[in-house]
Amino acid sequence: MKPKRNPLIKTKVLPDGHVVLFNEANDWAHVLTPQGALLWELCDGSIELYEIFPTVGEATGRSSDGMLEQQLRQLVDELVSLDLLCVNEHEQDSNLQEVGEIRQ
């Protein structure tokens, strides 16, 4: 799965590294922590989700932190449910199959 930012979402980077996502369609805002902001930045549709997690971990000094991956997965799920991130379901199913083949 290669998550991609919804192009209709406006972003504002705050001085402390947090990012505000604003959806004008429903007049709703969502604030991301600096770690979440990095994840958001990497979700450009060209990087597999499993590649994003270690990149965020390395950048934040938490590269071997399994809890971080769990938190990032929850954030991705939340952003998808809020239509802030887009994913191609067919692509997701294909990638899950490929991962399963690799692990077997």
Foldseek 3Di string as FASTA:
>chain_A
DQKAFDPQWDWDQDPQQKIWTAHPVVRDIDIGHNLQVQLNVRRHRPDDPVVSQQVSCVVVVNNPPPVSSVVNVVVVVVCVVVVRMDDDVVVVVVVVVVVVVVVD
